[in-house]
């Protein structure tokens, strides 16, 4: 797989809580989206946490599930 980008989506927690959590690990290489009301999760039909959605560069969903397959 060539250059990939990881985007984390947090549902329901405050920005300060997320920043505090991430700061415990030093630098954070990921983009974090805040989904306070769960709208994105609802739109993506997320039914469990964690959920993984792999989208290719053409915008097609390659994988959806609650575990991350080894190939990723």
N, C-alpha and C. Protein backbone atom coordinates (compact mmCIF):
# COMPACT_ATOMS: atom_id res chain seq x y z
N UNK A 1 0.85 -1.17 0.00
CA UNK A 1 0.00 0.00 0.00
C UNK A 1 0.90 1.23 0.00
N UNK A 2 0.66 2.17 -0.90
CA UNK A 2 1.47 3.38 -0.93
C UNK A 2 0.99 4.37 0.13
N UNK A 3 1.46 5.59 0.05
CA UNK A 3 1.19 6.60 1.08
C UNK A 3 -0.26 6.56 1.56
N UNK A 4 -0.41 6.42 2.85
CA UNK A 4 -1.73 6.34 3.47
C UNK A 4 -1.90 7.49 4.45
N UNK A 5 -3.12 7.75 4.79
CA UNK A 5 -3.43 8.77 5.77
C UNK A 5 -4.43 8.19 6.75
N UNK A 6 -4.17 8.40 8.02
CA UNK A 6 -5.06 7.90 9.07
C UNK A 6 -5.80 9.09 9.67
N UNK A 7 -7.11 8.96 9.71
CA UNK A 7 -7.95 9.99 10.33
C UNK A 7 -8.74 9.31 11.45
N UNK A 8 -8.60 9.82 12.65
CA UNK A 8 -9.33 9.29 13.80
C UNK A 8 -10.59 10.11 13.99
N UNK A 9 -11.67 9.44 14.33
CA UNK A 9 -12.93 10.14 14.62
C UNK A 9 -13.30 9.83 16.06
N UNK A 10 -13.44 10.86 16.86
CA UNK A 10 -13.84 10.68 18.25
C UNK A 10 -15.29 11.09 18.39
N UNK A 11 -16.05 10.23 19.06
CA UNK A 11 -17.48 10.47 19.22
C UNK A 11 -17.78 10.88 20.65
N UNK A 12 -18.30 12.10 20.81
CA UNK A 12 -18.88 12.51 22.08
C UNK A 12 -17.98 13.12 23.13
N UNK A 13 -16.66 13.05 23.00
CA UNK A 13 -15.81 13.61 24.04
C UNK A 13 -15.40 15.04 23.69
N UNK A 14 -15.06 15.80 24.71
CA UNK A 14 -14.67 17.19 24.52
C UNK A 14 -13.24 17.27 23.98
N UNK A 15 -12.99 18.34 23.24
CA UNK A 15 -11.67 18.57 22.64
C UNK A 15 -10.57 18.52 23.70
N UNK A 16 -10.79 19.12 24.85
CA UNK A 16 -9.78 19.16 25.90
C UNK A 16 -9.44 17.76 26.40
N UNK A 17 -10.44 16.90 26.52
CA UNK A 17 -10.22 15.52 26.96
C UNK A 17 -9.37 14.76 25.95
N UNK A 18 -9.66 14.94 24.69
CA UNK A 18 -8.92 14.25 23.63
C UNK A 18 -7.48 14.75 23.59
N UNK A 19 -7.29 16.06 23.67
CA UNK A 19 -5.94 16.62 23.67
C UNK A 19 -5.13 16.11 24.85
N UNK A 20 -5.74 16.06 26.02
CA UNK A 20 -5.06 15.56 27.22
C UNK A 20 -4.64 14.10 27.03
N UNK A 21 -5.53 13.29 26.49
CA UNK A 21 -5.22 11.88 26.24
C UNK A 21 -4.07 11.75 25.25
N UNK A 22 -4.15 12.45 24.12
CA UNK A 22 -3.12 12.34 23.08
C UNK A 22 -1.77 12.88 23.55
N UNK A 23 -1.77 13.91 24.38
CA UNK A 23 -0.52 14.50 24.88
C UNK A 23 0.28 13.53 25.73
N UNK A 24 -0.37 12.54 26.31
CA UNK A 24 0.34 11.54 27.12
C UNK A 24 1.28 10.69 26.27
N UNK A 25 1.05 10.66 24.96
CA UNK A 25 1.85 9.82 24.08
C UNK A 25 2.87 10.62 23.27
N UNK A 26 3.01 11.91 23.57
CA UNK A 26 3.94 12.74 22.80
C UNK A 26 3.27 13.25 21.54
N UNK A 27 4.02 13.24 20.45
CA UNK A 27 3.47 13.77 19.20
C UNK A 27 2.39 12.87 18.64
N UNK A 28 1.43 13.47 17.96
CA UNK A 28 0.32 12.74 17.37
C UNK A 28 0.36 12.93 15.85
N UNK A 29 0.65 11.86 15.10
CA UNK A 29 0.76 11.99 13.64
C UNK A 29 -0.59 11.94 12.92
N UNK A 30 -1.68 11.82 13.66
CA UNK A 30 -2.99 11.63 13.04
C UNK A 30 -3.85 12.89 13.09
N UNK A 31 -4.75 12.98 12.14
CA UNK A 31 -5.78 14.01 12.16
C UNK A 31 -6.93 13.46 13.00
N UNK A 32 -7.46 14.26 13.91
CA UNK A 32 -8.57 13.83 14.75
C UNK A 32 -9.79 14.69 14.44
N UNK A 33 -10.88 14.03 14.03
CA UNK A 33 -12.15 14.72 13.80
C UNK A 33 -13.02 14.55 15.03
N UNK A 34 -13.68 15.61 15.44
CA UNK A 34 -14.56 15.56 16.61
C UNK A 34 -16.00 15.43 16.14
N UNK A 35 -16.63 14.35 16.54
CA UNK A 35 -18.02 14.06 16.14
C UNK A 35 -18.87 14.10 17.41
N UNK A 36 -19.06 15.32 17.95
CA UNK A 36 -19.73 15.49 19.24
C UNK A 36 -21.10 14.83 19.31
N UNK A 37 -21.88 14.96 18.27
CA UNK A 37 -23.24 14.44 18.28
C UNK A 37 -23.37 13.04 17.67
N UNK A 38 -22.28 12.52 17.12
CA UNK A 38 -22.33 11.20 16.50
C UNK A 38 -22.91 11.21 15.09
N UNK A 39 -22.98 12.38 14.47
CA UNK A 39 -23.58 12.49 13.13
C UNK A 39 -22.78 11.71 12.09
N UNK A 40 -21.45 11.85 12.12
CA UNK A 40 -20.62 11.12 11.15
C UNK A 40 -20.74 9.62 11.37
N UNK A 41 -20.70 9.22 12.63
CA UNK A 41 -20.85 7.80 12.95
C UNK A 41 -22.19 7.27 12.44
N UNK A 42 -23.22 8.04 12.60
CA UNK A 42 -24.54 7.64 12.11
C UNK A 42 -24.55 7.55 10.59
N UNK A 43 -23.99 8.56 9.93
CA UNK A 43 -23.93 8.56 8.46
C UNK A 43 -23.16 7.36 7.92
N UNK A 44 -22.11 6.96 8.65
CA UNK A 44 -21.27 5.83 8.22
C UNK A 44 -21.79 4.50 8.75
N UNK A 45 -22.92 4.55 9.45
CA UNK A 45 -23.56 3.35 10.01
C UNK A 45 -22.63 2.57 10.95
N UNK A 46 -21.90 3.30 11.78
CA UNK A 46 -21.02 2.69 12.76
C UNK A 46 -21.89 2.04 13.83
N UNK A 47 -21.65 0.75 14.09
CA UNK A 47 -22.45 0.04 15.09
C UNK A 47 -21.62 -0.43 16.27
N UNK A 48 -20.33 -0.20 16.24
CA UNK A 48 -19.47 -0.60 17.35
C UNK A 48 -18.19 0.22 17.34
N UNK A 49 -17.55 0.26 18.51
CA UNK A 49 -16.31 1.01 18.64
C UNK A 49 -15.26 0.06 19.19
N UNK A 50 -14.07 -0.04 18.60
CA UNK A 50 -13.64 0.76 17.46
C UNK A 50 -14.23 0.24 16.16
N UNK A 51 -14.30 1.12 15.19
CA UNK A 51 -14.71 0.76 13.83
C UNK A 51 -13.64 1.25 12.88
N UNK A 52 -13.42 0.49 11.83
CA UNK A 52 -12.42 0.85 10.84
C UNK A 52 -13.10 0.94 9.48
N UNK A 53 -12.85 2.01 8.78
CA UNK A 53 -13.35 2.18 7.42
C UNK A 53 -12.14 2.56 6.57
N UNK A 54 -11.80 1.71 5.63
CA UNK A 54 -10.68 1.96 4.73
C UNK A 54 -11.25 2.45 3.41
N UNK A 55 -10.84 3.64 3.00
CA UNK A 55 -11.33 4.27 1.77
C UNK A 55 -10.15 4.46 0.83
N UNK A 56 -10.29 4.01 -0.41
CA UNK A 56 -9.18 4.16 -1.36
C UNK A 56 -9.13 5.59 -1.89
N UNK A 57 -8.10 5.90 -2.65
CA UNK A 57 -7.94 7.28 -3.11
C UNK A 57 -9.01 7.72 -4.09
N UNK A 58 -9.81 6.78 -4.61
CA UNK A 58 -10.93 7.12 -5.49
C UNK A 58 -12.23 7.30 -4.72
N UNK A 59 -12.16 7.18 -3.38
CA UNK A 59 -13.34 7.37 -2.55
C UNK A 59 -14.19 6.13 -2.36
N UNK A 60 -13.69 4.97 -2.81
CA UNK A 60 -14.44 3.72 -2.65
C UNK A 60 -14.07 3.06 -1.33
N UNK A 61 -15.06 2.54 -0.64
CA UNK A 61 -14.82 1.84 0.62
C UNK A 61 -14.25 0.47 0.31
N UNK A 62 -13.03 0.22 0.81
CA UNK A 62 -12.36 -1.07 0.63
C UNK A 62 -12.70 -2.04 1.75
N UNK A 63 -12.91 -1.51 2.95
CA UNK A 63 -13.15 -2.36 4.11
C UNK A 63 -13.94 -1.58 5.15
N UNK A 64 -14.87 -2.28 5.81
CA UNK A 64 -15.60 -1.76 6.98
C UNK A 64 -15.67 -2.88 7.99
N UNK A 65 -15.37 -2.58 9.25
CA UNK A 65 -15.48 -3.60 10.27
C UNK A 65 -15.00 -3.12 11.62
N UNK A 66 -15.06 -4.01 12.60
CA UNK A 66 -14.67 -3.68 13.97
C UNK A 66 -13.32 -4.25 14.34
N UNK A 67 -12.59 -4.72 13.36
CA UNK A 67 -11.21 -5.17 13.56
C UNK A 67 -10.45 -4.72 12.33
N UNK A 68 -9.14 -4.65 12.45
CA UNK A 68 -8.32 -4.23 11.31
C UNK A 68 -7.60 -5.45 10.75
N UNK A 69 -7.93 -5.84 9.52
CA UNK A 69 -7.29 -7.01 8.92
C UNK A 69 -5.77 -6.81 8.79
N UNK A 70 -5.04 -7.90 8.80
CA UNK A 70 -3.58 -7.84 8.72
C UNK A 70 -3.08 -7.12 7.48
N UNK A 71 -3.81 -7.20 6.37
CA UNK A 71 -3.31 -6.59 5.14
C UNK A 71 -3.20 -5.07 5.24
N UNK A 72 -3.79 -4.48 6.26
CA UNK A 72 -3.69 -3.04 6.46
C UNK A 72 -2.73 -2.74 7.57
